[in-house]
């Protein structure tokens, strides 16, 4: 049998919910009576606080992942309490917790399909680690926080309209910019995000030159749809004309 690192990863990140002995003898086609549940009898505000504690995961550096996946010297591995399995307990918990799981966590947008095939983001540094992509459109529509890694020196394979449709109106959008050699190309790829609007919080960071265009782009994406945004005046960031990503690169 081939070893799969996801098996141990999921076991580390998810606290399993075990059945009580009293319900172990129930048939699969039966449903336990939840009317006497102490948990479900709590006020909705308290239940939502519990679901948030169990279902919201904050990607961080050197987070709680198996050490063999990230052999970083001196990295401390600590236990996490992310517990998606709680949604399998009953229909009410699933109904109340699903919007929190998908709406309050950060998902990594696909490099070319964008919000069409997002993945749950577990770890950002030293390496990005994601769970398998979300393929169900029903829950995909609940996602409101996105992270996307954008390369300036390759063909993005998406259009300005696709970026607008994917990210306009989301709560958070973080764009991490990368190029193989600093100052080797312009910001033509980032221009594709200029039509995105009404983002609650937008961040553009990474290889962004002096940061002027990145700041302008972030403010533009957080602007209302009907706002008149003056065009960015500097065609190139950092001085001289840079290497053109669209004319080179063996394309």
Foldseek 3Di string as FASTA:
>chain_A
DDDDLVVVQCVQAADADDDDPVCPPDDPPDDDDCPPPPLVPDPPVVNLVVLLQQQEADADALEAGDCVVPVDPPRDHDGHRHHPNVLVNDVVSVVSNLLSNQAVFEWEADQAQGLQWTFGWHYVPPHTDTDGTDNDVVSSVSHQHYEYEYEPQDDSNYALVSLQVRHAQGAEYEYAYDYPDQQAEFCPVVVSPLLAACHNFYAYDHRDAPCPVRVLSRVSNNHHNPDDRDDDDDRGHDDDHHHHSVPDDPD
